[in-house]
Amino acid sequence: MHPKRIVIIGAGGLAREIGWLLAEINQGVSGQQYEVLGYVISDLTSLSQNDSHGILGDHLWLQENRASWDCLAMGIGIPERRFNLSRELDSLLGGVEWPVLIHPSVRMDLSTSKISRGVIICANAVGTVNLIIEEFALINLSCTLGHEVQIGSGTVLNPSVNVSGGVKIGNQVLLGTGAQVLQYLEIGTGAVVGAGAVVTKDVPSSVTVVGVPARQLPHS
């Protein structure tokens, strides 16, 4: 079986980490599953010194070279951008495969969980049972997910986030590094939870909460 030829969307630090994740998957018991062709970005004029080498081109490259690649991986860490860009590329290219990418070190009961397309789960994450992770969600390094946690489309958990059992997180939510969410709470669509915050009550949609316990930031 030939490895699938995969292109990473984005070229920043997260995109490079996705490249490493794919290399780690290839070293697993199933052998090489992916051949990483390189990176594609939206705007070639916006390149900076922090962007990756191996950039193939912009989205037009994907169209013009449709026969040379098999699937895509989202290497962008902004929730709204992950969600919207996936829709744009689906519409532009049609029939795109976005594989679920799970680091070999992840511990999670996949037999009782629903993991949708484009989900990425990074090294040392731990989940328990009956998880629902919707499309294009990103679970970053060393996150923990309790029983029956639900995570919406495009939502990003930065490293070391701890989500307790029964929590429901909406679409396009950002949880900052080290944030903690106590059990059976809900976080609304588009909300932002600051790094290190401890969420002790429900968070409405489209607000930012910070601190211990987490409190809503006043509107500027």
C-alpha atoms as a PDB file:
ATOM      1  CA  MET A   1       0.000   0.000   0.000  1.00  0.00           C
ATOM      2  CA  HIS A   2       1.426   3.340  -1.055  1.00  0.00           C
ATOM      3  CA  PRO A   3       1.524   6.184   1.517  1.00  0.00           C
ATOM      4  CA  LYS A   4      -0.996   8.951   1.015  1.00  0.00           C
ATOM      5  CA  ARG A   5       0.485  12.149  -0.364  1.00  0.00           C
ATOM      6  CA  ILE A   6      -0.476  14.876   2.093  1.00  0.00           C
ATOM      7  CA  VAL A   7      -0.180  18.669   1.968  1.00  0.00           C
ATOM      8  CA  ILE A   8      -0.188  20.798   5.133  1.00  0.00           C
ATOM      9  CA  ILE A   9      -2.268  23.985   5.034  1.00  0.00           C
ATOM     10  CA  GLY A  10      -0.279  26.796   6.643  1.00  0.00           C
ATOM     11  CA  ALA A  11       3.455  27.265   7.090  1.00  0.00           C
ATOM     12  CA  GLY A  12       3.997  28.559  10.620  1.00  0.00           C
ATOM     13  CA  GLY A  13       5.131  26.789  13.768  1.00  0.00           C
ATOM     14  CA  LEU A  14       1.973  24.705  14.157  1.00  0.00           C
ATOM     15  CA  ALA A  15       2.273  23.528  10.557  1.00  0.00           C
ATOM     16  CA  ARG A  16       5.801  22.306  11.290  1.00  0.00           C
ATOM     17  CA  GLU A  17       4.505  20.491  14.365  1.00  0.00           C
ATOM     18  CA  ILE A  18       1.910  18.775  12.179  1.00  0.00           C
ATOM     19  CA  GLY A  19       4.771  17.709   9.929  1.00  0.00           C
ATOM     20  CA  TRP A  20       6.469  16.156  12.953  1.00  0.00           C
ATOM     21  CA  LEU A  21       3.200  14.485  13.985  1.00  0.00           C
ATOM     22  CA  LEU A  22       2.969  12.878  10.551  1.00  0.00           C
ATOM     23  CA  ALA A  23       6.565  11.662  10.844  1.00  0.00           C
ATOM     24  CA  GLU A  24       5.726  10.112  14.224  1.00  0.00           C
ATOM     25  CA  ILE A  25       2.655   8.396  12.755  1.00  0.00           C
ATOM     26  CA  ASN A  26       4.868   6.980   9.995  1.00  0.00           C
ATOM     27  CA  GLN A  27       7.138   5.406  12.617  1.00  0.00           C
ATOM     28  CA  GLY A  28       4.219   3.507  14.156  1.00  0.00           C
ATOM     29  CA  VAL A  29       3.430  -0.174  13.804  1.00  0.00           C
ATOM     30  CA  SER A  30       1.581   0.339  10.504  1.00  0.00           C
ATOM     31  CA  GLY A  31       4.622   1.763   8.740  1.00  0.00           C
ATOM     32  CA  GLN A  32       4.653   4.791   6.465  1.00  0.00           C
ATOM     33  CA  GLN A  33       1.107   6.058   6.022  1.00  0.00           C
ATOM     34  CA  TYR A  34       1.825   9.552   4.686  1.00  0.00           C
ATOM     35  CA  GLU A  35       4.253  11.251   2.353  1.00  0.00           C
ATOM     36  CA  VAL A  36       4.450  14.937   3.264  1.00  0.00           C
ATOM     37  CA  LEU A  37       4.757  16.959   0.066  1.00  0.00           C
ATOM     38  CA  GLY A  38       5.081  20.370   1.713  1.00  0.00           C
ATOM     39  CA  TYR A  39       3.085  23.412   2.761  1.00  0.00           C
ATOM     40  CA  VAL A  40       0.474  25.571   1.064  1.00  0.00           C
ATOM     41  CA  ILE A  41      -0.554  29.064   2.223  1.00  0.00           C
ATOM     42  CA  SER A  42      -3.269  31.529   1.293  1.00  0.00           C
ATOM     43  CA  ASP A  43      -1.066  34.476   0.320  1.00  0.00           C
ATOM     44  CA  LEU A  44       2.489  34.074  -0.949  1.00  0.00           C
ATOM     45  CA  THR A  45       3.163  37.789  -0.448  1.00  0.00           C
ATOM     46  CA  SER A  46       2.730  37.442   3.318  1.00  0.00           C
ATOM     47  CA  LEU A  47       5.652  35.072   3.898  1.00  0.00           C
ATOM     48  CA  SER A  48       7.885  35.858   6.889  1.00  0.00           C
ATOM     49  CA  GLN A  49      11.132  34.543   8.332  1.00  0.00           C
ATOM     50  CA  ASN A  50       9.110  32.377  10.717  1.00  0.00           C
ATOM     51  CA  ASP A  51       7.438  30.418   7.922  1.00  0.00           C
ATOM     52  CA  SER A  52       8.502  26.940   6.902  1.00  0.00           C
ATOM     53  CA  HIS A  53      10.738  25.849   4.071  1.00  0.00           C
ATOM     54  CA  GLY A  54       9.160  23.597   1.487  1.00  0.00           C
ATOM     55  CA  ILE A  55       6.269  25.866   0.525  1.00  0.00           C
ATOM     56  CA  LEU A  56       4.609  24.530  -2.598  1.00  0.00           C
ATOM     57  CA  GLY A  57       2.490  27.565  -3.424  1.00  0.00           C
ATOM     58  CA  ASP A  58      -0.908  29.036  -2.656  1.00  0.00           C
ATOM     59  CA  HIS A  59      -4.381  27.535  -3.000  1.00  0.00           C
ATOM     60  CA  LEU A  60      -4.124  27.803  -6.776  1.00  0.00           C
ATOM     61  CA  TRP A  61      -1.319  25.232  -6.585  1.00  0.00           C
ATOM     62  CA  LEU A  62      -3.752  22.770  -5.023  1.00  0.00           C
ATOM     63  CA  GLN A  63      -6.137  23.248  -7.935  1.00  0.00           C
ATOM     64  CA  GLU A  64      -3.479  23.021 -10.638  1.00  0.00           C
ATOM     65  CA  ASN A  65      -1.831  19.949  -9.108  1.00  0.00           C
ATOM     66  CA  ARG A  66      -4.923  18.090  -7.951  1.00  0.00           C
ATOM     67  CA  ALA A  67      -3.634  14.766  -9.270  1.00  0.00           C
ATOM     68  CA  SER A  68      -0.353  14.992  -7.350  1.00  0.00           C
ATOM     69  CA  TRP A  69      -1.773  14.958  -3.802  1.00  0.00           C
ATOM     70  CA  ASP A  70      -4.291  12.802  -1.935  1.00  0.00           C
ATOM     71  CA  CYS A  71      -5.267  14.603   1.268  1.00  0.00           C
ATOM     72  CA  LEU A  72      -4.807  17.730   3.388  1.00  0.00           C
ATOM     73  CA  ALA A  73      -3.989  18.549   7.010  1.00  0.00           C
ATOM     74  CA  MET A  74      -4.878  21.835   8.721  1.00  0.00           C
ATOM     75  CA  GLY A  75      -1.779  23.478  10.192  1.00  0.00           C
ATOM     76  CA  ILE A  76      -3.417  26.729  11.359  1.00  0.00           C
ATOM     77  CA  GLY A  77      -4.147  27.334  15.036  1.00  0.00           C
ATOM     78  CA  ILE A  78      -6.778  30.100  14.932  1.00  0.00           C
ATOM     79  CA  PRO A  79     -10.209  28.490  15.486  1.00  0.00           C
ATOM     80  CA  GLU A  80     -12.259  30.700  13.165  1.00  0.00           C
ATOM     81  CA  ARG A  81      -9.612  30.452  10.456  1.00  0.00           C
ATOM     82  CA  ARG A  82      -9.444  26.647  10.746  1.00  0.00           C
ATOM     83  CA  PHE A  83     -13.197  26.394  10.367  1.00  0.00           C
ATOM     84  CA  ASN A  84     -13.639  28.909   7.543  1.00  0.00           C
ATOM     85  CA  LEU A  85     -10.605  27.807   5.548  1.00  0.00           C
ATOM     86  CA  SER A  86     -11.712  24.187   5.623  1.00  0.00           C
ATOM     87  CA  ARG A  87     -15.037  25.254   4.127  1.00  0.00           C
ATOM     88  CA  GLU A  88     -13.325  27.387   1.483  1.00  0.00           C
ATOM     89  CA  LEU A  89     -11.031  24.556   0.405  1.00  0.00           C
ATOM     90  CA  ASP A  90     -13.870  22.022   0.363  1.00  0.00           C
ATOM     91  CA  SER A  91     -15.796  24.332  -1.955  1.00  0.00           C
ATOM     92  CA  LEU A  92     -12.781  25.176  -4.118  1.00  0.00           C
ATOM     93  CA  LEU A  93     -11.436  21.668  -4.541  1.00  0.00           C
ATOM     94  CA  GLY A  94     -14.396  19.338  -4.001  1.00  0.00           C
ATOM     95  CA  GLY A  95     -14.119  15.891  -2.445  1.00  0.00           C
ATOM     96  CA  VAL A  96     -11.170  16.731  -0.185  1.00  0.00           C
ATOM     97  CA  GLU A  97      -9.941  14.085   2.245  1.00  0.00           C
ATOM     98  CA  TRP A  98      -8.968  15.473   5.663  1.00  0.00           C
ATOM     99  CA  PRO A  99      -7.704  12.457   7.646  1.00  0.00           C
ATOM    100  CA  VAL A 100      -7.909  12.194  11.419  1.00  0.00           C
ATOM    101  CA  LEU A 101      -4.340  12.499  12.727  1.00  0.00           C
ATOM    102  CA  ILE A 102      -3.605  11.027  16.159  1.00  0.00           C
ATOM    103  CA  HIS A 103      -0.120  10.845  17.650  1.00  0.00           C
ATOM    104  CA  PRO A 104       0.916   7.289  18.634  1.00  0.00           C
ATOM    105  CA  SER A 105       1.378   8.341  22.280  1.00  0.00           C
ATOM    106  CA  VAL A 106      -2.275   9.397  22.678  1.00  0.00           C
ATOM    107  CA  ARG A 107      -4.360   7.333  25.107  1.00  0.00           C
ATOM    108  CA  MET A 108      -8.090   7.458  24.393  1.00  0.00           C
ATOM    109  CA  ASP A 109     -11.019   5.050  24.162  1.00  0.00           C
ATOM    110  CA  LEU A 110     -11.644   5.321  20.438  1.00  0.00           C
ATOM    111  CA  SER A 111     -14.144   2.460  20.533  1.00  0.00           C
ATOM    112  CA  THR A 112     -16.681   4.608  22.431  1.00  0.00           C
ATOM    113  CA  SER A 113     -15.769   7.971  20.932  1.00  0.00           C
ATOM    114  CA  LYS A 114     -16.753   9.873  17.800  1.00  0.00           C
ATOM    115  CA  ILE A 115     -13.830  11.593  16.076  1.00  0.00           C
ATOM    116  CA  SER A 116     -14.773  13.565  12.940  1.00  0.00           C
ATOM    117  CA  ARG A 117     -12.704  14.366   9.864  1.00  0.00           C
ATOM    118  CA  GLY A 118      -9.780  16.740  10.095  1.00  0.00           C
ATOM    119  CA  VAL A 119      -9.391  16.305  13.853  1.00  0.00           C
ATOM    120  CA  ILE A 120      -5.784  16.452  15.074  1.00  0.00           C
ATOM    121  CA  ILE A 121      -4.747  15.041  18.460  1.00  0.00           C
ATOM    122  CA  CYS A 122      -1.164  15.756  19.434  1.00  0.00           C
ATOM    123  CA  ALA A 123       1.415  13.947  21.554  1.00  0.00           C
ATOM    124  CA  ASN A 124       0.648  12.790  25.102  1.00  0.00           C
ATOM    125  CA  ALA A 125      -3.010  13.802  25.063  1.00  0.00           C
ATOM    126  CA  VAL A 126      -5.246  11.597  27.210  1.00  0.00           C
ATOM    127  CA  GLY A 127      -8.978  11.068  26.802  1.00  0.00           C
ATOM    128  CA  THR A 128     -11.290   8.642  28.514  1.00  0.00           C
ATOM    129  CA  VAL A 129     -14.667   7.422  27.230  1.00  0.00           C
ATOM    130  CA  ASN A 130     -17.602   8.568  25.074  1.00  0.00           C
ATOM    131  CA  LEU A 131     -15.867  11.624  23.642  1.00  0.00           C
ATOM    132  CA  ILE A 132     -17.324  13.616  20.752  1.00  0.00           C
ATOM    133  CA  ILE A 133     -14.750  15.669  18.841  1.00  0.00           C
ATOM    134  CA  GLU A 134     -16.191  17.474  15.833  1.00  0.00           C
ATOM    135  CA  GLU A 135     -14.411  18.196  12.562  1.00  0.00           C
ATOM    136  CA  PHE A 136     -11.201  20.238  12.460  1.00  0.00           C
ATOM    137  CA  ALA A 137     -10.860  20.450  16.232  1.00  0.00           C
ATOM    138  CA  LEU A 138      -7.257  20.523  17.463  1.00  0.00           C
ATOM    139  CA  ILE A 139      -6.257  18.859  20.745  1.00  0.00           C
ATOM    140  CA  ASN A 140      -2.733  20.020  21.436  1.00  0.00           C
ATOM    141  CA  LEU A 141       0.142  18.554  23.441  1.00  0.00           C
ATOM    142  CA  SER A 142      -0.616  16.917  26.817  1.00  0.00           C
ATOM    143  CA  CYS A 143      -4.298  17.868  27.014  1.00  0.00           C
ATOM    144  CA  THR A 144      -6.684  15.746  29.082  1.00  0.00           C
ATOM    145  CA  LEU A 145     -10.355  15.093  28.302  1.00  0.00           C
ATOM    146  CA  GLY A 146     -12.745  13.508  30.795  1.00  0.00           C
ATOM    147  CA  HIS A 147     -15.728  11.271  30.116  1.00  0.00           C
ATOM    148  CA  GLU A 148     -18.445  12.464  27.720  1.00  0.00           C
ATOM    149  CA  VAL A 149     -16.604  15.661  26.761  1.00  0.00           C
ATOM    150  CA  GLN A 150     -17.947  17.280  23.585  1.00  0.00           C
ATOM    151  CA  ILE A 151     -15.731  19.573  21.495  1.00  0.00           C
ATOM    152  CA  GLY A 152     -17.146  21.613  18.608  1.00  0.00           C
ATOM    153  CA  SER A 153     -15.928  22.157  15.062  1.00  0.00           C
ATOM    154  CA  GLY A 154     -12.715  24.134  14.635  1.00  0.00           C
ATOM    155  CA  THR A 155     -12.156  24.446  18.384  1.00  0.00           C
ATOM    156  CA  VAL A 156      -8.537  24.603  19.555  1.00  0.00           C
ATOM    157  CA  LEU A 157      -7.197  23.363  22.871  1.00  0.00           C
ATOM    158  CA  ASN A 158      -3.688  24.703  23.400  1.00  0.00           C
ATOM    159  CA  PRO A 159      -1.117  22.589  25.279  1.00  0.00           C
ATOM    160  CA  SER A 160      -1.900  21.183  28.745  1.00  0.00           C
ATOM    161  CA  VAL A 161      -5.598  22.102  28.797  1.00  0.00           C
ATOM    162  CA  ASN A 162      -7.613  19.995  31.267  1.00  0.00           C
ATOM    163  CA  VAL A 163     -11.289  19.465  30.451  1.00  0.00           C
ATOM    164  CA  SER A 164     -13.277  17.601  33.102  1.00  0.00           C
ATOM    165  CA  GLY A 165     -16.054  15.111  32.448  1.00  0.00           C
ATOM    166  CA  GLY A 166     -19.362  16.107  30.884  1.00  0.00           C
ATOM    167  CA  VAL A 167     -18.145  19.464  29.533  1.00  0.00           C
ATOM    168  CA  LYS A 168     -19.650  20.762  26.289  1.00  0.00           C
ATOM    169  CA  ILE A 169     -17.511  23.138  24.228  1.00  0.00           C
ATOM    170  CA  GLY A 170     -19.019  24.932  21.227  1.00  0.00           C
ATOM    171  CA  ASN A 171     -17.624  25.609  17.772  1.00  0.00           C
ATOM    172  CA  GLN A 172     -14.528  27.747  17.138  1.00  0.00           C
ATOM    173  CA  VAL A 173     -13.594  28.088  20.810  1.00  0.00           C
ATOM    174  CA  LEU A 174     -10.012  28.798  21.908  1.00  0.00           C
ATOM    175  CA  LEU A 175      -8.756  27.415  25.224  1.00  0.00           C
ATOM    176  CA  GLY A 176      -5.394  28.896  26.202  1.00  0.00           C
ATOM    177  CA  THR A 177      -2.420  26.934  27.462  1.00  0.00           C
ATOM    178  CA  GLY A 178      -2.994  25.334  30.853  1.00  0.00           C
ATOM    179  CA  ALA A 179      -6.657  26.315  31.126  1.00  0.00           C
ATOM    180  CA  GLN A 180      -8.923  24.102  33.230  1.00  0.00           C
ATOM    181  CA  VAL A 181     -12.664  23.554  32.832  1.00  0.00           C
ATOM    182  CA  LEU A 182     -14.603  21.991  35.692  1.00  0.00           C
ATOM    183  CA  GLN A 183     -17.119  19.214  35.108  1.00  0.00           C
ATOM    184  CA  TYR A 184     -20.494  19.518  33.370  1.00  0.00           C
ATOM    185  CA  LEU A 185     -19.996  23.118  32.277  1.00  0.00           C
ATOM    186  CA  GLU A 186     -20.715  24.590  28.823  1.00  0.00           C
ATOM    187  CA  ILE A 187     -18.581  26.982  26.786  1.00  0.00           C
ATOM    188  CA  GLY A 188     -20.397  28.805  23.992  1.00  0.00           C
ATOM    189  CA  THR A 189     -19.391  29.146  20.358  1.00  0.00           C
ATOM    190  CA  GLY A 190     -16.583  31.590  19.637  1.00  0.00           C
ATOM    191  CA  ALA A 191     -15.571  32.021  23.284  1.00  0.00           C
ATOM    192  CA  VAL A 192     -11.946  32.457  24.377  1.00  0.00           C
ATOM    193  CA  VAL A 193     -10.576  31.053  27.650  1.00  0.00           C
ATOM    194  CA  GLY A 194      -7.313  32.667  28.665  1.00  0.00           C
ATOM    195  CA  ALA A 195      -4.120  30.776  29.456  1.00  0.00           C
ATOM    196  CA  GLY A 196      -4.158  29.311  32.972  1.00  0.00           C
ATOM    197  CA  ALA A 197      -7.796  30.243  33.576  1.00  0.00           C
ATOM    198  CA  VAL A 198      -9.994  28.003  35.733  1.00  0.00           C
ATOM    199  CA  VAL A 199     -13.549  27.887  34.414  1.00  0.00           C
ATOM    200  CA  THR A 200     -16.012  27.309  37.268  1.00  0.00           C
ATOM    201  CA  LYS A 201     -19.275  28.314  35.546  1.00  0.00           C
ATOM    202  CA  ASP A 202     -20.767  28.331  32.058  1.00  0.00           C
ATOM    203  CA  VAL A 203     -19.161  30.682  29.514  1.00  0.00           C
ATOM    204  CA  PRO A 204     -21.499  32.451  27.032  1.00  0.00           C
ATOM    205  CA  SER A 205     -20.763  32.549  23.320  1.00  0.00           C
ATOM    206  CA  SER A 206     -18.295  35.112  21.907  1.00  0.00           C
ATOM    207  CA  VAL A 207     -16.852  36.306  25.224  1.00  0.00           C
ATOM    208  CA  THR A 208     -13.349  36.128  26.705  1.00  0.00           C
ATOM    209  CA  VAL A 209     -12.754  34.873  30.229  1.00  0.00           C
ATOM    210  CA  VAL A 210      -9.492  34.996  32.183  1.00  0.00           C
ATOM    211  CA  GLY A 211      -8.189  34.359  35.674  1.00  0.00           C
ATOM    212  CA  VAL A 212      -8.806  32.086  38.652  1.00  0.00           C
ATOM    213  CA  PRO A 213     -11.717  31.686  38.833  1.00  0.00           C
ATOM    214  CA  ALA A 214     -12.328  32.750  35.234  1.00  0.00           C
ATOM    215  CA  ARG A 215     -14.215  36.035  34.802  1.00  0.00           C
ATOM    216  CA  GLN A 216     -15.446  37.767  31.671  1.00  0.00           C
ATOM    217  CA  LEU A 217     -13.326  40.607  30.379  1.00  0.00           C
ATOM    218  CA  PRO A 218     -15.253  43.895  30.106  1.00  0.00           C
ATOM    219  CA  HIS A 219     -15.976  45.177  26.623  1.00  0.00           C
ATOM    220  CA  SER A 220     -13.524  47.867  25.525  1.00  0.00           C
END
